[in-house]
Amino acid sequence: MGHLDRSGGERREHMRVQQPQLYVRVGGRVYRTLEWSYGGLLIEDEGGFLPTGALIRIDGLVDEEAYRRAASPQTVDIRARVIRAMRDEGLAALSCLKLDDAAYRILRTIGGDFTEAQAGLA
């Protein structure tokens, strides 16, 4: 699992993960994450569909392996805000405002030891 280094003055509440990737569904579109945590997601948004400040609902979540096997995202209810749209890079940074039990369960299953370690940080 690809954890990012938290040294060098990093002040994030939630450790970010680069692997495994997640795929999230927002408004019928599926986006790939570049990194994620309980607190937020950095996603590819090459079409620039998610403007800064937008409140969004993520209603589907699946890990990369299942997505490649053509599995549909599992139904979740994650409320998030687009905190930064980086149009030139084709990226959007999301801050998670609310995760339902299904989302926590999926992230815990996907993240394994990462999510268990997170429980003491939140």
PDB file of N, CA and C in Angstrom:
ATOM      1  N   MET A   1       0.857  -1.172   0.000  1.00  0.00           N
ATOM      2  CA  MET A   1       0.000   0.000   0.000  1.00  0.00           C
ATOM      3  C   MET A   1       0.897   1.228   0.000  1.00  0.00           C
ATOM      4  N   GLY A   2       0.604   2.242  -0.810  1.00  0.00           N
ATOM      5  CA  GLY A   2       1.447   3.409  -0.943  1.00  0.00           C
ATOM      6  C   GLY A   2       1.026   4.548  -0.050  1.00  0.00           C
ATOM      7  N   HIS A   3       1.572   4.603   1.140  1.00  0.00           N
ATOM      8  CA  HIS A   3       1.298   5.720   2.045  1.00  0.00           C
ATOM      9  C   HIS A   3       2.222   6.882   1.685  1.00  0.00           C
ATOM     10  N   LEU A   4       1.748   8.074   1.857  1.00  0.00           N
ATOM     11  CA  LEU A   4       2.579   9.243   1.622  1.00  0.00           C
ATOM     12  C   LEU A   4       3.307   9.622   2.897  1.00  0.00           C
ATOM     13  N   ASP A   5       4.475  10.188   2.745  1.00  0.00           N
ATOM     14  CA  ASP A   5       5.296  10.599   3.869  1.00  0.00           C
ATOM     15  C   ASP A   5       4.641  11.757   4.604  1.00  0.00           C
ATOM     16  N   ARG A   6       4.578  11.662   5.927  1.00  0.00           N
ATOM     17  CA  ARG A   6       3.985  12.726   6.737  1.00  0.00           C
ATOM     18  C   ARG A   6       5.044  13.609   7.373  1.00  0.00           C
ATOM     19  N   SER A   7       6.309  13.453   7.019  1.00  0.00           N
ATOM     20  CA  SER A   7       7.364  14.272   7.599  1.00  0.00           C
ATOM     21  C   SER A   7       7.408  15.627   6.914  1.00  0.00           C
ATOM     22  N   GLY A   8       8.291  16.467   7.373  1.00  0.00           N
ATOM     23  CA  GLY A   8       8.480  17.752   6.727  1.00  0.00           C
ATOM     24  C   GLY A   8       7.385  18.753   7.023  1.00  0.00           C
ATOM     25  N   GLY A   9       6.804  18.699   8.225  1.00  0.00           N
ATOM     26  CA  GLY A   9       5.821  19.683   8.616  1.00  0.00           C
ATOM     27  C   GLY A   9       4.413  19.414   8.134  1.00  0.00           C
ATOM     28  N   GLU A  10       4.149  18.218   7.632  1.00  0.00           N
ATOM     29  CA  GLU A  10       2.798  17.870   7.178  1.00  0.00           C
ATOM     30  C   GLU A  10       1.833  17.970   8.351  1.00  0.00           C
ATOM     31  N   ARG A  11       0.724  18.690   8.172  1.00  0.00           N
ATOM     32  CA  ARG A  11      -0.222  18.905   9.260  1.00  0.00           C
ATOM     33  C   ARG A  11      -1.593  18.311   8.973  1.00  0.00           C
ATOM     34  N   ARG A  12      -1.689  17.424   8.035  1.00  0.00           N
ATOM     35  CA  ARG A  12      -2.972  16.809   7.711  1.00  0.00           C
ATOM     36  C   ARG A  12      -3.439  15.934   8.855  1.00  0.00           C
ATOM     37  N   GLU A  13      -4.736  15.961   9.086  1.00  0.00           N
ATOM     38  CA  GLU A  13      -5.329  15.126  10.127  1.00  0.00           C
ATOM     39  C   GLU A  13      -5.354  13.666   9.705  1.00  0.00           C
ATOM     40  N   HIS A  14      -5.561  13.397   8.416  1.00  0.00           N
ATOM     41  CA  HIS A  14      -5.686  12.040   7.903  1.00  0.00           C
ATOM     42  C   HIS A  14      -4.543  11.727   6.946  1.00  0.00           C
ATOM     43  N   MET A  15      -3.878  10.602   7.173  1.00  0.00           N
ATOM     44  CA  MET A  15      -2.810  10.165   6.297  1.00  0.00           C
ATOM     45  C   MET A  15      -3.396   9.844   4.919  1.00  0.00           C
ATOM     46  N   ARG A  16      -2.695  10.238   3.866  1.00  0.00           N
ATOM     47  CA  ARG A  16      -3.160  10.009   2.497  1.00  0.00           C
ATOM     48  C   ARG A  16      -2.611   8.691   1.967  1.00  0.00           C
ATOM     49  N   VAL A  17      -3.380   8.059   1.090  1.00  0.00           N
ATOM     50  CA  VAL A  17      -3.000   6.794   0.482  1.00  0.00           C
ATOM     51  C   VAL A  17      -2.995   6.964  -1.033  1.00  0.00           C
ATOM     52  N   GLN A  18      -1.944   6.455  -1.680  1.00  0.00           N
ATOM     53  CA  GLN A  18      -1.882   6.498  -3.145  1.00  0.00           C
ATOM     54  C   GLN A  18      -2.290   5.164  -3.751  1.00  0.00           C
ATOM     55  N   GLN A  19      -2.064   4.073  -3.067  1.00  0.00           N
ATOM     56  CA  GLN A  19      -2.431   2.744  -3.553  1.00  0.00           C
ATOM     57  C   GLN A  19      -3.140   2.006  -2.442  1.00  0.00           C
ATOM     58  N   PRO A  20      -4.179   1.292  -2.659  1.00  0.00           N
ATOM     59  CA  PRO A  20      -4.841   1.103  -3.940  1.00  0.00           C
ATOM     60  C   PRO A  20      -5.679   2.322  -4.314  1.00  0.00           C
ATOM     61  N   GLN A  21      -5.848   2.498  -5.617  1.00  0.00           N
ATOM     62  CA  GLN A  21      -6.683   3.592  -6.106  1.00  0.00           C
ATOM     63  C   GLN A  21      -8.153   3.270  -5.874  1.00  0.00           C
ATOM     64  N   LEU A  22      -8.941   4.306  -5.813  1.00  0.00           N
ATOM     65  CA  LEU A  22     -10.390   4.180  -5.726  1.00  0.00           C
ATOM     66  C   LEU A  22     -11.005   4.811  -6.964  1.00  0.00           C
ATOM     67  N   TYR A  23     -12.203   4.390  -7.268  1.00  0.00           N
ATOM     68  CA  TYR A  23     -13.014   5.034  -8.294  1.00  0.00           C
ATOM     69  C   TYR A  23     -14.291   5.470  -7.600  1.00  0.00           C
ATOM     70  N   VAL A  24     -14.675   6.735  -7.811  1.00  0.00           N
ATOM     71  CA  VAL A  24     -15.870   7.284  -7.168  1.00  0.00           C
ATOM     72  C   VAL A  24     -16.847   7.745  -8.240  1.00  0.00           C
ATOM     73  N   ARG A  25     -18.132   7.627  -7.932  1.00  0.00           N
ATOM     74  CA  ARG A  25     -19.177   8.055  -8.874  1.00  0.00           C
ATOM     75  C   ARG A  25     -19.857   9.302  -8.313  1.00  0.00           C
ATOM     76  N   VAL A  26     -19.893  10.330  -9.152  1.00  0.00           N
ATOM     77  CA  VAL A  26     -20.531  11.603  -8.810  1.00  0.00           C
ATOM     78  C   VAL A  26     -21.404  12.002  -9.993  1.00  0.00           C
ATOM     79  N   GLY A  27     -22.700  12.132  -9.769  1.00  0.00           N
ATOM     80  CA  GLY A  27     -23.599  12.560 -10.838  1.00  0.00           C
ATOM     81  C   GLY A  27     -23.528  11.685 -12.080  1.00  0.00           C
ATOM     82  N   GLY A  28     -23.353  10.385 -11.905  1.00  0.00           N
ATOM     83  CA  GLY A  28     -23.291   9.466 -13.035  1.00  0.00           C
ATOM     84  C   GLY A  28     -21.921   9.336 -13.680  1.00  0.00           C
ATOM     85  N   ARG A  29     -20.969  10.199 -13.314  1.00  0.00           N
ATOM     86  CA  ARG A  29     -19.604  10.125 -13.856  1.00  0.00           C
ATOM     87  C   ARG A  29     -18.714   9.380 -12.852  1.00  0.00           C
ATOM     88  N   VAL A  30     -17.775   8.618 -13.366  1.00  0.00           N
ATOM     89  CA  VAL A  30     -16.829   7.903 -12.514  1.00  0.00           C
ATOM     90  C   VAL A  30     -15.470   8.577 -12.621  1.00  0.00           C
ATOM     91  N   TYR A  31     -14.864   8.860 -11.466  1.00  0.00           N
ATOM     92  CA  TYR A  31     -13.574   9.538 -11.387  1.00  0.00           C
ATOM     93  C   TYR A  31     -12.575   8.631 -10.673  1.00  0.00           C
ATOM     94  N   ARG A  32     -11.322   8.678 -11.094  1.00  0.00           N
ATOM     95  CA  ARG A  32     -10.238   7.909 -10.473  1.00  0.00           C
ATOM     96  C   ARG A  32      -9.511   8.790  -9.467  1.00  0.00           C
ATOM     97  N   THR A  33      -9.205   8.223  -8.303  1.00  0.00           N
ATOM     98  CA  THR A  33      -8.434   8.971  -7.315  1.00  0.00           C
ATOM     99  C   THR A  33      -6.947   8.844  -7.605  1.00  0.00           C
ATOM    100  N   LEU A  34      -6.202   9.857  -7.198  1.00  0.00           N
ATOM    101  CA  LEU A  34      -4.744   9.789  -7.217  1.00  0.00           C
ATOM    102  C   LEU A  34      -4.223   9.544  -5.811  1.00  0.00           C
ATOM    103  N   GLU A  35      -4.966  10.042  -4.833  1.00  0.00           N
ATOM    104  CA  GLU A  35      -4.700   9.779  -3.426  1.00  0.00           C
ATOM    105  C   GLU A  35      -5.981  10.023  -2.659  1.00  0.00           C
ATOM    106  N   TRP A  36      -6.069   9.414  -1.467  1.00  0.00           N
ATOM    107  CA  TRP A  36      -7.310   9.512  -0.708  1.00  0.00           C
ATOM    108  C   TRP A  36      -7.039   9.290   0.768  1.00  0.00           C
ATOM    109  N   SER A  37      -7.989   9.741   1.566  1.00  0.00           N
ATOM    110  CA  SER A  37      -7.995   9.509   3.011  1.00  0.00           C
ATOM    111  C   SER A  37      -9.442   9.645   3.455  1.00  0.00           C
ATOM    112  N   TYR A  38      -9.695   9.423   4.741  1.00  0.00           N
ATOM    113  CA  TYR A  38     -11.044   9.658   5.260  1.00  0.00           C
ATOM    114  C   TYR A  38     -11.430  11.127   5.097  1.00  0.00           C
ATOM    115  N   GLY A  39     -10.460  12.008   5.090  1.00  0.00           N
ATOM    116  CA  GLY A  39     -10.743  13.438   5.046  1.00  0.00           C
ATOM    117  C   GLY A  39     -10.914  14.034   3.669  1.00  0.00           C
ATOM    118  N   GLY A  40     -10.468  13.309   2.627  1.00  0.00           N
ATOM    119  CA  GLY A  40     -10.593  13.891   1.300  1.00  0.00           C
ATOM    120  C   GLY A  40     -10.021  13.022   0.209  1.00  0.00           C
ATOM    121  N   LEU A  41     -10.171  13.519  -1.010  1.00  0.00           N
ATOM    122  CA  LEU A  41      -9.746  12.786  -2.200  1.00  0.00           C
ATOM    123  C   LEU A  41      -9.119  13.757  -3.187  1.00  0.00           C
ATOM    124  N   LEU A  42      -8.113  13.303  -3.889  1.00  0.00           N
ATOM    125  CA  LEU A  42      -7.598  14.019  -5.043  1.00  0.00           C
ATOM    126  C   LEU A  42      -7.973  13.166  -6.239  1.00  0.00           C
ATOM    127  N   ILE A  43      -8.789  13.723  -7.133  1.00  0.00           N
ATOM    128  CA  ILE A  43      -9.312  12.930  -8.240  1.00  0.00           C
ATOM    129  C   ILE A  43      -8.924  13.534  -9.588  1.00  0.00           C
ATOM    130  N   GLU A  44      -8.917  12.675 -10.601  1.00  0.00           N
ATOM    131  CA  GLU A  44      -8.723  13.140 -11.967  1.00  0.00           C
ATOM    132  C   GLU A  44     -10.053  13.711 -12.459  1.00  0.00           C
ATOM    133  N   ASP A  45     -10.018  14.936 -12.948  1.00  0.00           N
ATOM    134  CA  ASP A  45     -11.211  15.599 -13.485  1.00  0.00           C
ATOM    135  C   ASP A  45     -10.810  16.312 -14.767  1.00  0.00           C
ATOM    136  N   GLU A  46     -10.422  15.516 -15.757  1.00  0.00           N
ATOM    137  CA  GLU A  46      -9.911  16.073 -17.007  1.00  0.00           C
ATOM    138  C   GLU A  46     -10.948  16.891 -17.754  1.00  0.00           C
ATOM    139  N   GLY A  47     -12.232  16.612 -17.535  1.00  0.00           N
ATOM    140  CA  GLY A  47     -13.285  17.380 -18.201  1.00  0.00           C
ATOM    141  C   GLY A  47     -13.619  18.678 -17.490  1.00  0.00           C
ATOM    142  N   GLY A  48     -13.068  18.881 -16.291  1.00  0.00           N
ATOM    143  CA  GLY A  48     -13.340  20.102 -15.539  1.00  0.00           C
ATOM    144  C   GLY A  48     -14.793  20.235 -15.109  1.00  0.00           C
ATOM    145  N   PHE A  49     -15.415  19.106 -14.750  1.00  0.00           N
ATOM    146  CA  PHE A  49     -16.828  19.104 -14.380  1.00  0.00           C
ATOM    147  C   PHE A  49     -17.096  19.586 -12.957  1.00  0.00           C
ATOM    148  N   LEU A  50     -16.061  19.613 -12.114  1.00  0.00           N
ATOM    149  CA  LEU A  50     -16.260  19.928 -10.694  1.00  0.00           C
ATOM    150  C   LEU A  50     -15.619  21.274 -10.348  1.00  0.00           C
ATOM    151  N   PRO A  51     -16.416  22.330 -10.234  1.00  0.00           N
ATOM    152  CA  PRO A  51     -15.867  23.656  -9.943  1.00  0.00           C
ATOM    153  C   PRO A  51     -15.552  23.837  -8.461  1.00  0.00           C
ATOM    154  N   THR A  52     -14.573  24.654  -8.175  1.00  0.00           N
ATOM    155  CA  THR A  52     -14.219  24.984  -6.791  1.00  0.00           C
ATOM    156  C   THR A  52     -15.450  25.489  -6.053  1.00  0.00           C
ATOM    157  N   GLY A  53     -15.642  24.974  -4.843  1.00  0.00           N
ATOM    158  CA  GLY A  53     -16.752  25.390  -3.996  1.00  0.00           C
ATOM    159  C   GLY A  53     -17.997  24.534  -4.123  1.00  0.00           C
ATOM    160  N   ALA A  54     -18.074  23.702  -5.151  1.00  0.00           N
ATOM    161  CA  ALA A  54     -19.271  22.887  -5.360  1.00  0.00           C
ATOM    162  C   ALA A  54     -19.451  21.874  -4.232  1.00  0.00           C
ATOM    163  N   LEU A  55     -20.675  21.735  -3.768  1.00  0.00           N
ATOM    164  CA  LEU A  55     -21.035  20.668  -2.838  1.00  0.00           C
ATOM    165  C   LEU A  55     -21.489  19.486  -3.678  1.00  0.00           C
ATOM    166  N   ILE A  56     -20.898  18.326  -3.432  1.00  0.00           N
ATOM    167  CA  ILE A  56     -21.214  17.161  -4.255  1.00  0.00           C
ATOM    168  C   ILE A  56     -21.577  15.968  -3.380  1.00  0.00           C
ATOM    169  N   ARG A  57     -22.211  15.002  -4.007  1.00  0.00           N
ATOM    170  CA  ARG A  57     -22.551  13.743  -3.344  1.00  0.00           C
ATOM    171  C   ARG A  57     -21.892  12.620  -4.127  1.00  0.00           C
ATOM    172  N   ILE A  58     -20.999  11.904  -3.463  1.00  0.00           N
ATOM    173  CA  ILE A  58     -20.399  10.706  -4.038  1.00  0.00           C
ATOM    174  C   ILE A  58     -21.342   9.563  -3.690  1.00  0.00           C
ATOM    175  N   ASP A  59     -21.907   8.924  -4.718  1.00  0.00           N
ATOM    176  CA  ASP A  59     -22.888   7.872  -4.437  1.00  0.00           C
ATOM    177  C   ASP A  59     -22.388   6.479  -4.796  1.00  0.00           C
ATOM    178  N   GLY A  60     -21.143   6.382  -5.257  1.00  0.00           N
ATOM    179  CA  GLY A  60     -20.566   5.086  -5.582  1.00  0.00           C
ATOM    180  C   GLY A  60     -19.081   5.064  -5.305  1.00  0.00           C
ATOM    181  N   LEU A  61     -18.590   3.904  -4.865  1.00  0.00           N
ATOM    182  CA  LEU A  61     -17.184   3.763  -4.494  1.00  0.00           C
ATOM    183  C   LEU A  61     -16.752   2.330  -4.782  1.00  0.00           C
ATOM    184  N   VAL A  62     -15.590   2.171  -5.426  1.00  0.00           N
ATOM    185  CA  VAL A  62     -15.062   0.840  -5.723  1.00  0.00           C
ATOM    186  C   VAL A  62     -13.537   0.938  -5.780  1.00  0.00           C
ATOM    187  N   ASP A  63     -12.852  -0.150  -5.400  1.00  0.00           N
ATOM    188  CA  ASP A  63     -11.394  -0.145  -5.481  1.00  0.00           C
ATOM    189  C   ASP A  63     -10.951  -0.465  -6.908  1.00  0.00           C
ATOM    190  N   GLU A  64      -9.707  -0.170  -7.187  1.00  0.00           N
ATOM    191  CA  GLU A  64      -9.171  -0.286  -8.551  1.00  0.00           C
ATOM    192  C   GLU A  64      -9.277  -1.708  -9.100  1.00  0.00           C
ATOM    193  N   GLU A  65      -8.944  -2.700  -8.297  1.00  0.00           N
ATOM    194  CA  GLU A  65      -8.976  -4.083  -8.775  1.00  0.00           C
ATOM    195  C   GLU A  65     -10.391  -4.483  -9.212  1.00  0.00           C
ATOM    196  N   ALA A  66     -11.379  -4.184  -8.384  1.00  0.00           N
ATOM    197  CA  ALA A  66     -12.768  -4.517  -8.725  1.00  0.00           C
ATOM    198  C   ALA A  66     -13.227  -3.727  -9.949  1.00  0.00           C
ATOM    199  N   TYR A  67     -12.830  -2.470 -10.049  1.00  0.00           N
ATOM    200  CA  TYR A  67     -13.218  -1.642 -11.190  1.00  0.00           C
ATOM    201  C   TYR A  67     -12.670  -2.224 -12.490  1.00  0.00           C
ATOM    202  N   ARG A  68     -11.437  -2.691 -12.460  1.00  0.00           N
ATOM    203  CA  ARG A  68     -10.820  -3.280 -13.656  1.00  0.00           C
ATOM    204  C   ARG A  68     -11.513  -4.585 -14.059  1.00  0.00           C
ATOM    205  N   ARG A  69     -12.174  -5.245 -13.089  1.00  0.00           N
ATOM    206  CA  ARG A  69     -12.949  -6.455 -13.397  1.00  0.00           C
ATOM    207  C   ARG A  69     -14.382  -6.090 -13.791  1.00  0.00           C
ATOM    208  N   ALA A  70     -14.624  -4.818 -14.046  1.00  0.00           N
ATOM    209  CA  ALA A  70     -15.921  -4.296 -14.475  1.00  0.00           C
ATOM    210  C   ALA A  70     -16.981  -4.357 -13.384  1.00  0.00           C
ATOM    211  N   ALA A  71     -16.559  -4.350 -12.138  1.00  0.00           N
ATOM    212  CA  ALA A  71     -17.523  -4.297 -11.036  1.00  0.00           C
ATOM    213  C   ALA A  71     -18.086  -2.881 -10.932  1.00  0.00           C
ATOM    214  N   SER A  72     -19.353  -2.788 -10.658  1.00  0.00           N
ATOM    215  CA  SER A  72     -19.989  -1.490 -10.453  1.00  0.00           C
ATOM    216  C   SER A  72     -19.613  -0.948  -9.080  1.00  0.00           C
ATOM    217  N   PRO A  73     -19.532   0.370  -8.956  1.00  0.00           N
ATOM    218  CA  PRO A  73     -19.270   0.947  -7.640  1.00  0.00           C
ATOM    219  C   PRO A  73     -20.364   0.553  -6.645  1.00  0.00           C
ATOM    220  N   GLN A  74     -19.945   0.332  -5.389  1.00  0.00           N
ATOM    221  CA  GLN A  74     -20.899   0.045  -4.329  1.00  0.00           C
ATOM    222  C   GLN A  74     -21.566   1.353  -3.909  1.00  0.00           C
ATOM    223  N   THR A  75     -22.816   1.266  -3.526  1.00  0.00           N
ATOM    224  CA  THR A  75     -23.579   2.446  -3.153  1.00  0.00           C
ATOM    225  C   THR A  75     -23.105   2.983  -1.802  1.00  0.00           C
ATOM    226  N   VAL A  76     -22.780   4.271  -1.782  1.00  0.00           N
ATOM    227  CA  VAL A  76     -22.373   4.971  -0.566  1.00  0.00           C
ATOM    228  C   VAL A  76     -23.029   6.350  -0.566  1.00  0.00           C
ATOM    229  N   ASP A  77     -22.892   7.038   0.536  1.00  0.00           N
ATOM    230  CA  ASP A  77     -23.353   8.427   0.624  1.00  0.00           C
ATOM    231  C   ASP A  77     -22.243   9.228   1.279  1.00  0.00           C
ATOM    232  N   ILE A  78     -21.427   9.857   0.432  1.00  0.00           N
ATOM    233  CA  ILE A  78     -20.338  10.709   0.906  1.00  0.00           C
ATOM    234  C   ILE A  78     -20.642  12.119   0.436  1.00  0.00           C
ATOM    235  N   ARG A  79     -20.737  13.030   1.368  1.00  0.00           N
ATOM    236  CA  ARG A  79     -20.928  14.449   1.029  1.00  0.00           C
ATOM    237  C   ARG A  79     -19.560  15.105   1.045  1.00  0.00           C
ATOM    238  N   ALA A  80     -19.274  15.886   0.015  1.00  0.00           N
ATOM    239  CA  ALA A  80     -17.957  16.500  -0.113  1.00  0.00           C
ATOM    240  C   ALA A  80     -18.073  17.879  -0.738  1.00  0.00           C
ATOM    241  N   ARG A  81     -17.015  18.639  -0.572  1.00  0.00           N
ATOM    242  CA  ARG A  81     -16.901  19.962  -1.196  1.00  0.00           C
ATOM    243  C   ARG A  81     -15.634  19.960  -2.047  1.00  0.00           C
ATOM    244  N   VAL A  82     -15.748  20.552  -3.225  1.00  0.00           N
ATOM    245  CA  VAL A  82     -14.572  20.724  -4.081  1.00  0.00           C
ATOM    246  C   VAL A  82     -13.802  21.913  -3.515  1.00  0.00           C
ATOM    247  N   ILE A  83     -12.642  21.632  -2.934  1.00  0.00           N
ATOM    248  CA  ILE A  83     -11.878  22.720  -2.327  1.00  0.00           C
ATOM    249  C   ILE A  83     -10.888  23.347  -3.297  1.00  0.00           C
ATOM    250  N   ARG A  84     -10.578  22.602  -4.370  1.00  0.00           N
ATOM    251  CA  ARG A  84      -9.688  23.184  -5.380  1.00  0.00           C
ATOM    252  C   ARG A  84      -9.876  22.453  -6.697  1.00  0.00           C
ATOM    253  N   ALA A  85     -10.195  23.196  -7.739  1.00  0.00           N
ATOM    254  CA  ALA A  85     -10.264  22.652  -9.098  1.00  0.00           C
ATOM    255  C   ALA A  85      -9.002  23.105  -9.818  1.00  0.00           C
ATOM    256  N   MET A  86      -8.206  22.153 -10.236  1.00  0.00           N
ATOM    257  CA  MET A  86      -6.939  22.446 -10.917  1.00  0.00           C
ATOM    258  C   MET A  86      -7.116  22.089 -12.386  1.00  0.00           C
ATOM    259  N   ARG A  87      -7.740  22.989 -13.121  1.00  0.00           N
ATOM    260  CA  ARG A  87      -8.130  22.733 -14.517  1.00  0.00           C
ATOM    261  C   ARG A  87      -6.927  22.401 -15.395  1.00  0.00           C
ATOM    262  N   ASP A  88      -5.820  23.124 -15.222  1.00  0.00           N
ATOM    263  CA  ASP A  88      -4.644  22.881 -16.063  1.00  0.00           C
ATOM    264  C   ASP A  88      -4.081  21.477 -15.875  1.00  0.00           C
ATOM    265  N   GLU A  89      -4.184  20.953 -14.663  1.00  0.00           N
ATOM    266  CA  GLU A  89      -3.675  19.610 -14.366  1.00  0.00           C
ATOM    267  C   GLU A  89      -4.743  18.531 -14.532  1.00  0.00           C
ATOM    268  N   GLY A  90      -6.004  18.933 -14.721  1.00  0.00           N
ATOM    269  CA  GLY A  90      -7.088  17.971 -14.844  1.00  0.00           C
ATOM    270  C   GLY A  90      -7.395  17.266 -13.539  1.00  0.00           C
ATOM    271  N   LEU A  91      -7.308  18.008 -12.422  1.00  0.00           N
ATOM    272  CA  LEU A  91      -7.495  17.445 -11.087  1.00  0.00           C
ATOM    273  C   LEU A  91      -8.498  18.253 -10.287  1.00  0.00           C
ATOM    274  N   ALA A  92      -9.059  17.617  -9.279  1.00  0.00           N
ATOM    275  CA  ALA A  92      -9.907  18.306  -8.306  1.00  0.00           C
ATOM    276  C   ALA A  92      -9.627  17.723  -6.927  1.00  0.00           C
ATOM    277  N   ALA A  93      -9.503  18.597  -5.933  1.00  0.00           N
ATOM    278  CA  ALA A  93      -9.305  18.181  -4.550  1.00  0.00           C
ATOM    279  C   ALA A  93     -10.634  18.308  -3.822  1.00  0.00           C
ATOM    280  N   LEU A  94     -11.040  17.227  -3.169  1.00  0.00           N
ATOM    281  CA  LEU A  94     -12.313  17.195  -2.447  1.00  0.00           C
ATOM    282  C   LEU A  94     -12.072  17.037  -0.963  1.00  0.00           C
ATOM    283  N   SER A  95     -12.864  17.732  -0.174  1.00  0.00           N
ATOM    284  CA  SER A  95     -12.860  17.562   1.279  1.00  0.00           C
ATOM    285  C   SER A  95     -14.134  16.823   1.657  1.00  0.00           C
ATOM    286  N   CYS A  96     -13.995  15.692   2.338  1.00  0.00           N
ATOM    287  CA  CYS A  96     -15.160  14.908   2.751  1.00  0.00           C
ATOM    288  C   CYS A  96     -15.808  15.552   3.972  1.00  0.00           C
ATOM    289  N   LEU A  97     -17.088  15.831   3.877  1.00  0.00           N
ATOM    290  CA  LEU A  97     -17.837  16.445   4.962  1.00  0.00           C
ATOM    291  C   LEU A  97     -18.593  15.399   5.775  1.00  0.00           C
ATOM    292  N   LYS A  98     -19.033  14.313   5.115  1.00  0.00           N
ATOM    293  CA  LYS A  98     -19.806  13.257   5.775  1.00  0.00           C
ATOM    294  C   LYS A  98     -19.617  11.963   5.011  1.00  0.00           C
ATOM    295  N   LEU A  99     -19.302  10.893   5.735  1.00  0.00           N
ATOM    296  CA  LEU A  99     -19.209   9.558   5.148  1.00  0.00           C
ATOM    297  C   LEU A  99     -20.207   8.674   5.868  1.00  0.00           C
ATOM    298  N   ASP A 100     -20.988   7.901   5.115  1.00  0.00           N
ATOM    299  CA  ASP A 100     -21.924   6.983   5.750  1.00  0.00           C
ATOM    300  C   ASP A 100     -21.210   5.701   6.178  1.00  0.00           C
ATOM    301  N   ASP A 101     -21.933   4.828   6.872  1.00  0.00           N
ATOM    302  CA  ASP A 101     -21.347   3.583   7.368  1.00  0.00           C
ATOM    303  C   ASP A 101     -20.822   2.711   6.238  1.00  0.00           C
ATOM    304  N   ALA A 102     -21.521   2.679   5.110  1.00  0.00           N
ATOM    305  CA  ALA A 102     -21.077   1.865   3.979  1.00  0.00           C
ATOM    306  C   ALA A 102     -19.730   2.359   3.466  1.00  0.00           C
ATOM    307  N   ALA A 103     -19.546   3.670   3.386  1.00  0.00           N
ATOM    308  CA  ALA A 103     -18.274   4.229   2.917  1.00  0.00           C
ATOM    309  C   ALA A 103     -17.147   3.877   3.881  1.00  0.00           C
ATOM    310  N   TYR A 104     -17.380   4.034   5.186  1.00  0.00           N
ATOM    311  CA  TYR A 104     -16.362   3.665   6.177  1.00  0.00           C
ATOM    312  C   TYR A 104     -15.998   2.189   6.048  1.00  0.00           C
ATOM    313  N   ARG A 105     -16.989   1.341   5.892  1.00  0.00           N
ATOM    314  CA  ARG A 105     -16.757  -0.100   5.786  1.00  0.00           C
ATOM    315  C   ARG A 105     -15.902  -0.415   4.549  1.00  0.00           C
ATOM    316  N   ILE A 106     -16.228   0.191   3.425  1.00  0.00           N
ATOM    317  CA  ILE A 106     -15.474  -0.043   2.194  1.00  0.00           C
ATOM    318  C   ILE A 106     -14.037   0.454   2.341  1.00  0.00           C
ATOM    319  N   LEU A 107     -13.868   1.674   2.858  1.00  0.00           N
ATOM    320  CA  LEU A 107     -12.520   2.222   3.025  1.00  0.00           C
ATOM    321  C   LEU A 107     -11.701   1.381   3.995  1.00  0.00           C
ATOM    322  N   ARG A 108     -12.317   0.913   5.050  1.00  0.00           N
ATOM    323  CA  ARG A 108     -11.629   0.062   6.028  1.00  0.00           C
ATOM    324  C   ARG A 108     -11.186  -1.245   5.353  1.00  0.00           C
ATOM    325  N   THR A 109     -12.048  -1.823   4.530  1.00  0.00           N
ATOM    326  CA  THR A 109     -11.721  -3.065   3.820  1.00  0.00           C
ATOM    327  C   THR A 109     -10.600  -2.830   2.816  1.00  0.00           C
ATOM    328  N   ILE A 110     -10.672  -1.753   2.072  1.00  0.00           N
ATOM    329  CA  ILE A 110      -9.662  -1.440   1.062  1.00  0.00           C
ATOM    330  C   ILE A 110      -8.341  -1.048   1.715  1.00  0.00           C
ATOM    331  N   GLY A 111      -8.427  -0.227   2.761  1.00  0.00           N
ATOM    332  CA  GLY A 111      -7.224   0.334   3.371  1.00  0.00           C
ATOM    333  C   GLY A 111      -6.520  -0.551   4.357  1.00  0.00           C
ATOM    334  N   GLY A 112      -7.180  -1.562   4.912  1.00  0.00           N
ATOM    335  CA  GLY A 112      -6.553  -2.486   5.851  1.00  0.00           C
ATOM    336  C   GLY A 112      -5.890  -1.792   7.014  1.00  0.00           C
ATOM    337  N   ASP A 113      -4.592  -2.010   7.178  1.00  0.00           N
ATOM    338  CA  ASP A 113      -3.862  -1.468   8.329  1.00  0.00           C
ATOM    339  C   ASP A 113      -3.852   0.052   8.333  1.00  0.00           C
ATOM    340  N   PHE A 114      -3.941   0.673   7.158  1.00  0.00           N
ATOM    341  CA  PHE A 114      -3.991   2.132   7.075  1.00  0.00           C
ATOM    342  C   PHE A 114      -5.176   2.678   7.852  1.00  0.00           C
ATOM    343  N   THR A 115      -6.366   2.125   7.608  1.00  0.00           N
ATOM    344  CA  THR A 115      -7.556   2.654   8.237  1.00  0.00           C
ATOM    345  C   THR A 115      -7.596   2.343   9.721  1.00  0.00           C
ATOM    346  N   GLU A 116      -7.018   1.214  10.144  1.00  0.00           N
ATOM    347  CA  GLU A 116      -6.944   0.912  11.567  1.00  0.00           C
ATOM    348  C   GLU A 116      -6.038   1.901  12.281  1.00  0.00           C
ATOM    349  N   ALA A 117      -4.934   2.252  11.642  1.00  0.00           N
ATOM    350  CA  ALA A 117      -4.028   3.251  12.223  1.00  0.00           C
ATOM    351  C   ALA A 117      -4.704   4.602  12.300  1.00  0.00           C
ATOM    352  N   GLN A 118      -5.568   4.906  11.333  1.00  0.00           N
ATOM    353  CA  GLN A 118      -6.276   6.186  11.296  1.00  0.00           C
ATOM    354  C   GLN A 118      -7.219   6.355  12.471  1.00  0.00           C
ATOM    355  N   ALA A 119      -7.781   5.266  12.972  1.00  0.00           N
ATOM    356  CA  ALA A 119      -8.778   5.361  14.034  1.00  0.00           C
ATOM    357  C   ALA A 119      -8.240   6.139  15.229  1.00  0.00           C
ATOM    358  N   GLY A 120      -6.973   6.038  15.521  1.00  0.00           N
ATOM    359  CA  GLY A 120      -6.403   6.769  16.643  1.00  0.00           C
ATOM    360  C   GLY A 120      -6.060   8.202  16.319  1.00  0.00           C
ATOM    361  N   LEU A 121      -6.109   8.585  15.034  1.00  0.00           N
ATOM    362  CA  LEU A 121      -5.725   9.943  14.634  1.00  0.00           C
ATOM    363  C   LEU A 121      -6.897  10.900  14.582  1.00  0.00           C
ATOM    364  N   ALA A 122      -8.076  10.405  14.325  1.00  0.00           N
ATOM    365  CA  ALA A 122      -9.231  11.292  14.091  1.00  0.00           C
ATOM    366  C   ALA A 122      -9.726  11.924  15.350  1.00  0.00           C
TER     367      ALA A 122
END
